[in-house]
């Protein structure tokens, strides 16, 4: 359950950042694309190194990982939307039935995120050892934390735009 909460919090932070970027005008669209591609490239290199993938493992691993990431992103999007619906129901003072329904949808979305790893771990096991799968989960968390820390640090010679 603790992992689910952590995933939801990180997801909310990342989705809020993506949402803020999406609200910028269209002339910045190429920068958003470059940022997303750069992040993906960094993540691939980081995970490959942290897991210790061999070239043969990497050929089999990355297509499976991409498929699972799509499922995760979809589930996180639904979770974020359910969270917004729950927040709206509370803010608007909707009745017990509406709030209960929104709460149930939010909890179900959170459970879906957790179930993705359980559902797909068999595919990983056909490619990687249990040790490397465990390293994958730790490396993903380490990468997320590194990215969050980078967002909170002012760029060299400039000020932090978030402050």
N, C-alpha and C. Protein backbone atom coordinates (compact mmCIF):
# COMPACT_ATOMS: atom_id res chain seq x y z
N UNK A 1 0.83 -1.20 0.00
CA UNK A 1 0.00 0.00 0.00
C UNK A 1 0.87 1.26 0.00
N UNK A 2 1.98 1.19 0.75
CA UNK A 2 2.89 2.33 0.84
C UNK A 2 3.46 2.66 -0.54
N UNK A 3 3.77 1.63 -1.32
CA UNK A 3 4.32 1.84 -2.66
C UNK A 3 3.26 2.50 -3.55
N UNK A 4 2.02 2.09 -3.39
CA UNK A 4 0.93 2.67 -4.17
C UNK A 4 0.80 4.15 -3.90
N UNK A 5 0.84 4.53 -2.65
CA UNK A 5 0.73 5.94 -2.28
C UNK A 5 1.89 6.72 -2.86
N UNK A 6 3.09 6.17 -2.77
CA UNK A 6 4.27 6.83 -3.31
C UNK A 6 4.15 7.01 -4.82
N UNK A 7 3.68 5.96 -5.49
CA UNK A 7 3.51 6.04 -6.94
C UNK A 7 2.49 7.10 -7.30
N UNK A 8 1.39 7.13 -6.55
CA UNK A 8 0.35 8.12 -6.83
C UNK A 8 0.86 9.54 -6.60
N UNK A 9 1.61 9.75 -5.55
CA UNK A 9 2.14 11.09 -5.28
C UNK A 9 3.12 11.53 -6.37
N UNK A 10 4.03 10.65 -6.73
CA UNK A 10 4.99 10.98 -7.78
C UNK A 10 4.25 11.22 -9.10
N UNK A 11 3.27 10.37 -9.36
CA UNK A 11 2.48 10.53 -10.59
C UNK A 11 1.78 11.87 -10.62
N UNK A 12 1.19 12.25 -9.50
CA UNK A 12 0.48 13.52 -9.44
C UNK A 12 1.44 14.68 -9.70
N UNK A 13 2.64 14.60 -9.12
CA UNK A 13 3.63 15.66 -9.33
C UNK A 13 4.03 15.72 -10.79
N UNK A 14 4.31 14.55 -11.38
CA UNK A 14 4.73 14.52 -12.78
C UNK A 14 3.60 14.95 -13.70
N UNK A 15 2.37 14.50 -13.42
CA UNK A 15 1.25 14.91 -14.25
C UNK A 15 0.97 16.40 -14.13
N UNK A 16 1.15 16.94 -12.93
CA UNK A 16 0.96 18.38 -12.75
C UNK A 16 1.98 19.16 -13.58
N UNK A 17 3.21 18.65 -13.60
CA UNK A 17 4.24 19.29 -14.41
C UNK A 17 3.94 19.21 -15.89
N UNK A 18 3.47 18.04 -16.33
CA UNK A 18 3.10 17.88 -17.73
C UNK A 18 1.92 18.78 -18.06
N UNK A 19 0.96 18.85 -17.15
CA UNK A 19 -0.20 19.70 -17.36
C UNK A 19 0.22 21.17 -17.48
N UNK A 20 1.13 21.59 -16.63
CA UNK A 20 1.60 22.98 -16.68
C UNK A 20 2.31 23.25 -18.01
N UNK A 21 3.09 22.28 -18.47
CA UNK A 21 3.75 22.45 -19.75
C UNK A 21 2.74 22.50 -20.89
N UNK A 22 1.70 21.70 -20.80
CA UNK A 22 0.69 21.67 -21.85
C UNK A 22 -0.06 22.99 -21.95
N UNK A 23 -0.11 23.75 -20.87
CA UNK A 23 -0.82 25.02 -20.88
C UNK A 23 -0.02 26.14 -21.53
N UNK A 24 1.28 25.92 -21.75
CA UNK A 24 2.08 26.93 -22.45
C UNK A 24 1.61 27.04 -23.89
N UNK A 25 1.97 28.14 -24.53
CA UNK A 25 1.51 28.32 -25.91
C UNK A 25 2.22 27.37 -26.86
N UNK A 26 1.70 27.26 -28.09
CA UNK A 26 2.17 26.28 -29.05
C UNK A 26 3.59 26.53 -29.55
N UNK A 27 4.09 27.73 -29.45
CA UNK A 27 5.43 27.99 -29.96
C UNK A 27 6.49 27.24 -29.15
N UNK A 28 6.12 26.75 -27.97
CA UNK A 28 7.06 25.98 -27.16
C UNK A 28 6.91 24.48 -27.37
N UNK A 29 6.04 24.05 -28.26
CA UNK A 29 5.79 22.63 -28.51
C UNK A 29 7.07 21.85 -28.84
N UNK A 30 7.96 22.36 -29.71
CA UNK A 30 9.18 21.61 -29.99
C UNK A 30 10.03 21.40 -28.73
N UNK A 31 10.06 22.37 -27.82
CA UNK A 31 10.83 22.22 -26.59
C UNK A 31 10.23 21.12 -25.72
N UNK A 32 8.90 21.05 -25.63
CA UNK A 32 8.26 20.00 -24.84
C UNK A 32 8.64 18.64 -25.39
N UNK A 33 8.60 18.51 -26.71
CA UNK A 33 8.94 17.24 -27.34
C UNK A 33 10.38 16.88 -27.04
N UNK A 34 11.27 17.84 -27.19
CA UNK A 34 12.69 17.59 -26.92
C UNK A 34 12.89 17.19 -25.46
N UNK A 35 12.18 17.82 -24.55
CA UNK A 35 12.31 17.52 -23.13
C UNK A 35 11.87 16.08 -22.86
N UNK A 36 10.75 15.69 -23.44
CA UNK A 36 10.23 14.34 -23.22
C UNK A 36 11.18 13.29 -23.80
N UNK A 37 11.67 13.55 -24.99
CA UNK A 37 12.60 12.61 -25.62
C UNK A 37 13.91 12.53 -24.84
N UNK A 38 14.38 13.67 -24.36
CA UNK A 38 15.61 13.69 -23.57
C UNK A 38 15.43 12.88 -22.29
N UNK A 39 14.29 13.05 -21.64
CA UNK A 39 13.99 12.32 -20.41
C UNK A 39 13.96 10.82 -20.69
N UNK A 40 13.34 10.43 -21.79
CA UNK A 40 13.24 9.02 -22.14
C UNK A 40 14.63 8.43 -22.39
N UNK A 41 15.46 9.18 -23.11
CA UNK A 41 16.82 8.73 -23.40
C UNK A 41 17.63 8.59 -22.12
N UNK A 42 17.51 9.56 -21.24
CA UNK A 42 18.21 9.49 -19.95
C UNK A 42 17.75 8.28 -19.15
N UNK A 43 16.45 8.04 -19.16
CA UNK A 43 15.90 6.93 -18.39
C UNK A 43 16.39 5.59 -18.93
N UNK A 44 16.43 5.46 -20.24
CA UNK A 44 16.91 4.21 -20.85
C UNK A 44 18.36 3.95 -20.44
N UNK A 45 19.19 4.97 -20.56
CA UNK A 45 20.60 4.81 -20.18
C UNK A 45 20.76 4.50 -18.71
N UNK A 46 20.00 5.22 -17.88
CA UNK A 46 20.10 5.03 -16.44
C UNK A 46 19.66 3.62 -16.06
N UNK A 47 18.50 3.20 -16.55
CA UNK A 47 18.00 1.87 -16.19
C UNK A 47 18.91 0.76 -16.72
N UNK A 48 19.37 0.91 -17.95
CA UNK A 48 20.27 -0.10 -18.53
C UNK A 48 21.50 -0.28 -17.65
N UNK A 49 22.06 0.83 -17.22
CA UNK A 49 23.26 0.78 -16.36
C UNK A 49 22.95 0.21 -14.98
N UNK A 50 21.90 0.70 -14.36
CA UNK A 50 21.56 0.28 -13.00
C UNK A 50 21.16 -1.19 -12.93
N UNK A 51 20.46 -1.67 -13.95
CA UNK A 51 20.02 -3.06 -13.97
C UNK A 51 21.17 -3.97 -14.36
N UNK A 52 22.05 -3.46 -15.21
CA UNK A 52 23.16 -4.26 -15.72
C UNK A 52 22.72 -5.15 -16.88
N UNK A 53 21.91 -4.58 -17.77
CA UNK A 53 21.41 -5.35 -18.91
C UNK A 53 22.53 -5.68 -19.88
N UNK A 54 22.53 -6.90 -20.35
CA UNK A 54 23.42 -7.27 -21.44
C UNK A 54 22.77 -6.83 -22.74
N UNK A 55 23.51 -6.75 -23.83
CA UNK A 55 22.90 -6.38 -25.11
C UNK A 55 21.76 -7.32 -25.52
N UNK A 56 21.93 -8.61 -25.29
CA UNK A 56 20.87 -9.56 -25.64
C UNK A 56 19.63 -9.35 -24.78
N UNK A 57 19.83 -9.11 -23.49
CA UNK A 57 18.69 -8.84 -22.60
C UNK A 57 17.99 -7.55 -23.00
N UNK A 58 18.77 -6.54 -23.33
CA UNK A 58 18.19 -5.25 -23.70
C UNK A 58 17.29 -5.37 -24.93
N UNK A 59 17.69 -6.16 -25.92
CA UNK A 59 16.89 -6.35 -27.13
C UNK A 59 15.50 -6.90 -26.79
N UNK A 60 15.45 -7.81 -25.82
CA UNK A 60 14.17 -8.42 -25.43
C UNK A 60 13.42 -7.57 -24.41
N UNK A 61 14.18 -6.90 -23.54
CA UNK A 61 13.59 -6.17 -22.43
C UNK A 61 12.86 -4.91 -22.85
N UNK A 62 13.48 -4.06 -23.68
CA UNK A 62 12.92 -2.74 -23.95
C UNK A 62 11.55 -2.76 -24.62
N UNK A 63 11.27 -3.65 -25.56
CA UNK A 63 9.90 -3.68 -26.10
C UNK A 63 8.85 -4.02 -25.03
N UNK A 64 9.18 -4.95 -24.15
CA UNK A 64 8.26 -5.32 -23.06
C UNK A 64 8.10 -4.15 -22.11
N UNK A 65 9.20 -3.50 -21.77
CA UNK A 65 9.15 -2.36 -20.86
C UNK A 65 8.28 -1.24 -21.43
N UNK A 66 8.44 -0.96 -22.71
CA UNK A 66 7.64 0.10 -23.36
C UNK A 66 6.15 -0.22 -23.28
N UNK A 67 5.80 -1.48 -23.52
CA UNK A 67 4.40 -1.89 -23.46
C UNK A 67 3.85 -1.69 -22.04
N UNK A 68 4.63 -2.05 -21.06
CA UNK A 68 4.21 -1.90 -19.66
C UNK A 68 4.11 -0.43 -19.29
N UNK A 69 5.04 0.38 -19.78
CA UNK A 69 5.00 1.82 -19.49
C UNK A 69 3.74 2.47 -20.06
N UNK A 70 3.31 2.03 -21.22
CA UNK A 70 2.07 2.56 -21.80
C UNK A 70 0.90 2.23 -20.87
N UNK A 71 0.86 0.99 -20.39
CA UNK A 71 -0.21 0.59 -19.47
C UNK A 71 -0.15 1.41 -18.18
N UNK A 72 1.07 1.64 -17.67
CA UNK A 72 1.23 2.45 -16.45
C UNK A 72 0.77 3.89 -16.67
N UNK A 73 1.18 4.46 -17.79
CA UNK A 73 0.79 5.85 -18.08
C UNK A 73 -0.72 5.98 -18.19
N UNK A 74 -1.37 5.02 -18.84
CA UNK A 74 -2.83 5.05 -18.95
C UNK A 74 -3.47 4.96 -17.57
N UNK A 75 -2.96 4.05 -16.74
CA UNK A 75 -3.51 3.90 -15.39
C UNK A 75 -3.27 5.15 -14.55
N UNK A 76 -2.10 5.76 -14.68
CA UNK A 76 -1.81 6.98 -13.92
C UNK A 76 -2.70 8.13 -14.38
N UNK A 77 -2.97 8.18 -15.67
CA UNK A 77 -3.87 9.21 -16.18
C UNK A 77 -5.26 9.04 -15.59
N UNK A 78 -5.75 7.80 -15.58
CA UNK A 78 -7.07 7.55 -14.99
C UNK A 78 -7.08 7.88 -13.50
N UNK A 79 -5.98 7.57 -12.81
CA UNK A 79 -5.89 7.88 -11.39
C UNK A 79 -5.93 9.38 -11.15
N UNK A 80 -5.21 10.12 -11.97
CA UNK A 80 -5.19 11.57 -11.84
C UNK A 80 -6.57 12.16 -12.12
N UNK A 81 -7.22 11.64 -13.16
CA UNK A 81 -8.57 12.11 -13.47
C UNK A 81 -9.56 11.77 -12.35
N UNK A 82 -9.41 10.58 -11.77
CA UNK A 82 -10.29 10.19 -10.66
C UNK A 82 -10.02 11.07 -9.44
N UNK A 83 -8.76 11.42 -9.23
CA UNK A 83 -8.41 12.31 -8.13
C UNK A 83 -9.06 13.68 -8.34
N UNK A 84 -8.98 14.19 -9.55
CA UNK A 84 -9.60 15.48 -9.85
C UNK A 84 -11.11 15.43 -9.65
N UNK A 85 -11.74 14.32 -10.06
CA UNK A 85 -13.19 14.18 -9.89
C UNK A 85 -13.55 14.12 -8.40
N UNK A 86 -12.74 13.44 -7.61
CA UNK A 86 -12.97 13.37 -6.17
C UNK A 86 -12.80 14.74 -5.54
N UNK A 87 -11.75 15.43 -5.93
CA UNK A 87 -11.52 16.78 -5.41
C UNK A 87 -12.68 17.71 -5.77
N UNK A 88 -13.15 17.61 -6.99
CA UNK A 88 -14.27 18.43 -7.44
C UNK A 88 -15.54 18.11 -6.65
N UNK A 89 -15.79 16.83 -6.41
CA UNK A 89 -16.98 16.44 -5.65
C UNK A 89 -16.93 17.02 -4.24
N UNK A 90 -15.76 16.99 -3.63
CA UNK A 90 -15.61 17.55 -2.28
C UNK A 90 -15.77 19.07 -2.31
N UNK A 91 -15.11 19.71 -3.25
CA UNK A 91 -15.13 21.17 -3.34
C UNK A 91 -16.54 21.69 -3.59
N UNK A 92 -17.29 20.99 -4.43
CA UNK A 92 -18.64 21.41 -4.78
C UNK A 92 -19.69 20.96 -3.77
N UNK A 93 -19.25 20.24 -2.75
CA UNK A 93 -20.17 19.80 -1.70
C UNK A 93 -21.23 18.83 -2.19
N UNK A 94 -20.84 17.98 -3.12
CA UNK A 94 -21.79 16.99 -3.62
C UNK A 94 -22.18 16.04 -2.50
N UNK A 95 -23.24 15.35 -2.68
CA UNK A 95 -23.76 14.46 -1.65
C UNK A 95 -22.89 13.25 -1.39
N UNK A 96 -23.27 12.51 -0.35
CA UNK A 96 -22.53 11.33 0.08
C UNK A 96 -22.39 10.31 -1.06
N UNK A 97 -23.45 10.10 -1.82
CA UNK A 97 -23.42 9.09 -2.89
C UNK A 97 -22.40 9.48 -3.97
N UNK A 98 -22.39 10.73 -4.38
CA UNK A 98 -21.46 11.18 -5.42
C UNK A 98 -20.02 11.12 -4.93
N UNK A 99 -19.79 11.53 -3.69
CA UNK A 99 -18.44 11.49 -3.12
C UNK A 99 -17.98 10.04 -2.97
N UNK A 100 -18.88 9.17 -2.51
CA UNK A 100 -18.54 7.76 -2.34
C UNK A 100 -18.17 7.13 -3.68
N UNK A 101 -18.92 7.45 -4.72
CA UNK A 101 -18.63 6.92 -6.05
C UNK A 101 -17.27 7.44 -6.55
N UNK A 102 -17.01 8.71 -6.38
CA UNK A 102 -15.73 9.29 -6.81
C UNK A 102 -14.58 8.68 -6.02
N UNK A 103 -14.78 8.47 -4.73
CA UNK A 103 -13.75 7.85 -3.90
C UNK A 103 -13.46 6.42 -4.37
N UNK A 104 -14.50 5.66 -4.65
CA UNK A 104 -14.32 4.29 -5.13
C UNK A 104 -13.57 4.25 -6.46
N UNK A 105 -13.88 5.18 -7.36
CA UNK A 105 -13.17 5.24 -8.64
C UNK A 105 -11.70 5.59 -8.43
N UNK A 106 -11.43 6.49 -7.51
CA UNK A 106 -10.04 6.87 -7.22
C UNK A 106 -9.27 5.68 -6.64
N UNK A 107 -9.87 4.98 -5.70
CA UNK A 107 -9.21 3.82 -5.10
C UNK A 107 -8.99 2.71 -6.13
N UNK A 108 -9.97 2.49 -6.99
CA UNK A 108 -9.83 1.48 -8.04
C UNK A 108 -8.70 1.84 -9.00
N UNK A 109 -8.58 3.11 -9.33
CA UNK A 109 -7.50 3.55 -10.22
C UNK A 109 -6.14 3.31 -9.57
N UNK A 110 -6.05 3.57 -8.27
CA UNK A 110 -4.80 3.31 -7.55
C UNK A 110 -4.46 1.83 -7.52
N UNK A 111 -5.46 1.00 -7.34
CA UNK A 111 -5.23 -0.45 -7.35
C UNK A 111 -4.79 -0.92 -8.73
N UNK A 112 -5.32 -0.30 -9.77
CA UNK A 112 -4.93 -0.67 -11.13
C UNK A 112 -3.44 -0.41 -11.35
N UNK A 113 -2.95 0.70 -10.85
CA UNK A 113 -1.52 1.00 -10.98
C UNK A 113 -0.69 -0.09 -10.30
N UNK A 114 -1.09 -0.47 -9.11
CA UNK A 114 -0.36 -1.51 -8.37
C UNK A 114 -0.42 -2.86 -9.07
N UNK A 115 -1.55 -3.16 -9.69
CA UNK A 115 -1.71 -4.48 -10.30
C UNK A 115 -0.91 -4.64 -11.60
N UNK A 116 -0.52 -3.54 -12.20
CA UNK A 116 0.21 -3.63 -13.46
C UNK A 116 1.51 -4.39 -13.28
N UNK A 117 2.28 -4.07 -12.25
CA UNK A 117 3.54 -4.77 -12.03
C UNK A 117 3.30 -6.26 -11.77
N UNK A 118 2.28 -6.57 -10.98
CA UNK A 118 1.98 -7.98 -10.70
C UNK A 118 1.57 -8.71 -11.98
N UNK A 119 0.81 -8.03 -12.83
CA UNK A 119 0.34 -8.66 -14.07
C UNK A 119 1.47 -8.95 -15.04
N UNK A 120 2.43 -8.06 -15.12
CA UNK A 120 3.46 -8.17 -16.15
C UNK A 120 4.79 -8.74 -15.67
N UNK A 121 4.92 -9.03 -14.40
CA UNK A 121 6.21 -9.52 -13.91
C UNK A 121 6.60 -10.84 -14.59
N UNK A 122 5.63 -11.63 -15.00
CA UNK A 122 5.92 -12.87 -15.71
C UNK A 122 6.65 -12.64 -17.01
N UNK A 123 6.29 -11.55 -17.70
CA UNK A 123 6.99 -11.23 -18.95
C UNK A 123 8.44 -10.84 -18.67
N UNK A 124 8.66 -10.11 -17.59
CA UNK A 124 10.03 -9.76 -17.22
C UNK A 124 10.83 -11.01 -16.88
N UNK A 125 10.18 -11.95 -16.18
CA UNK A 125 10.89 -13.15 -15.73
C UNK A 125 11.34 -14.03 -16.89
N UNK A 126 10.70 -13.92 -18.04
CA UNK A 126 11.14 -14.68 -19.21
C UNK A 126 12.44 -14.10 -19.78
N UNK A 127 12.76 -12.86 -19.38
CA UNK A 127 13.91 -12.16 -19.95
C UNK A 127 15.02 -11.99 -18.91
N UNK A 128 14.62 -11.63 -17.68
CA UNK A 128 15.58 -11.24 -16.64
C UNK A 128 15.49 -12.14 -15.42
N UNK A 129 16.57 -12.14 -14.66
CA UNK A 129 16.57 -12.83 -13.37
C UNK A 129 15.75 -12.00 -12.37
N UNK A 130 15.37 -12.63 -11.27
CA UNK A 130 14.64 -11.91 -10.23
C UNK A 130 15.46 -10.76 -9.68
N UNK A 131 16.78 -10.97 -9.59
CA UNK A 131 17.64 -9.89 -9.10
C UNK A 131 17.57 -8.67 -10.01
N UNK A 132 17.62 -8.90 -11.31
CA UNK A 132 17.57 -7.77 -12.25
C UNK A 132 16.20 -7.10 -12.26
N UNK A 133 15.15 -7.88 -12.05
CA UNK A 133 13.80 -7.29 -11.96
C UNK A 133 13.72 -6.40 -10.72
N UNK A 134 14.27 -6.90 -9.61
CA UNK A 134 14.29 -6.09 -8.38
C UNK A 134 15.11 -4.82 -8.60
N UNK A 135 16.25 -4.96 -9.28
CA UNK A 135 17.07 -3.78 -9.58
C UNK A 135 16.30 -2.78 -10.45
N UNK A 136 15.46 -3.29 -11.35
CA UNK A 136 14.65 -2.43 -12.19
C UNK A 136 13.74 -1.55 -11.33
N UNK A 137 13.03 -2.15 -10.38
CA UNK A 137 12.11 -1.38 -9.56
C UNK A 137 12.85 -0.34 -8.70
N UNK A 138 14.00 -0.73 -8.17
CA UNK A 138 14.79 0.23 -7.40
C UNK A 138 15.33 1.34 -8.30
N UNK A 139 15.77 0.97 -9.50
CA UNK A 139 16.32 1.96 -10.42
C UNK A 139 15.24 2.95 -10.88
N UNK A 140 14.03 2.46 -11.11
CA UNK A 140 12.94 3.37 -11.50
C UNK A 140 12.67 4.39 -10.40
N UNK A 141 12.63 3.92 -9.17
CA UNK A 141 12.39 4.83 -8.05
C UNK A 141 13.55 5.82 -7.91
N UNK A 142 14.77 5.35 -8.06
CA UNK A 142 15.94 6.22 -7.97
C UNK A 142 15.90 7.27 -9.08
N UNK A 143 15.52 6.86 -10.28
CA UNK A 143 15.43 7.80 -11.40
C UNK A 143 14.36 8.86 -11.12
N UNK A 144 13.19 8.44 -10.63
CA UNK A 144 12.12 9.40 -10.31
C UNK A 144 12.60 10.41 -9.27
N UNK A 145 13.25 9.92 -8.24
CA UNK A 145 13.74 10.82 -7.19
C UNK A 145 14.79 11.78 -7.73
N UNK A 146 15.67 11.28 -8.58
CA UNK A 146 16.68 12.15 -9.19
C UNK A 146 16.02 13.26 -10.01
N UNK A 147 14.98 12.90 -10.77
CA UNK A 147 14.29 13.89 -11.59
C UNK A 147 13.58 14.93 -10.73
N UNK A 148 12.94 14.49 -9.67
CA UNK A 148 12.27 15.43 -8.76
C UNK A 148 13.29 16.35 -8.12
N UNK A 149 14.41 15.80 -7.69
CA UNK A 149 15.47 16.63 -7.10
C UNK A 149 16.01 17.64 -8.12
N UNK A 150 16.14 17.23 -9.38
CA UNK A 150 16.61 18.16 -10.42
C UNK A 150 15.63 19.31 -10.61
N UNK A 151 14.33 19.03 -10.49
CA UNK A 151 13.32 20.08 -10.64
C UNK A 151 13.39 21.09 -9.50
N UNK A 152 13.85 20.65 -8.35
CA UNK A 152 13.88 21.51 -7.17
C UNK A 152 15.19 22.27 -7.01
N UNK A 153 16.13 22.06 -7.90
CA UNK A 153 17.43 22.72 -7.82
C UNK A 153 17.49 23.81 -8.89
N UNK A 154 17.97 24.96 -8.51
CA UNK A 154 18.07 26.07 -9.46
C UNK A 154 19.11 25.74 -10.53
N UNK A 155 18.87 26.12 -11.78
CA UNK A 155 19.86 25.89 -12.83
C UNK A 155 21.09 26.76 -12.58
N UNK A 156 22.27 26.32 -13.06
CA UNK A 156 23.49 27.13 -12.86
C UNK A 156 23.31 28.54 -13.43
N UNK A 157 23.66 29.52 -12.65
CA UNK A 157 23.61 30.91 -13.09
C UNK A 157 22.22 31.50 -13.18
N UNK A 158 21.23 30.77 -12.71
CA UNK A 158 19.86 31.28 -12.81
C UNK A 158 19.10 31.03 -11.53
N UNK A 159 17.89 31.50 -11.49
CA UNK A 159 17.08 31.28 -10.32
C UNK A 159 16.09 30.17 -10.59
N UNK A 160 15.61 29.57 -9.55
CA UNK A 160 14.63 28.51 -9.67
C UNK A 160 13.27 29.12 -10.00
N UNK A 161 12.70 28.82 -11.16
CA UNK A 161 11.43 29.43 -11.55
C UNK A 161 10.28 28.98 -10.67
N UNK A 162 10.44 27.94 -9.90
CA UNK A 162 9.37 27.44 -9.05
C UNK A 162 9.27 28.21 -7.74
N UNK A 163 10.26 29.02 -7.44
CA UNK A 163 10.24 29.76 -6.16
C UNK A 163 9.73 31.15 -6.36
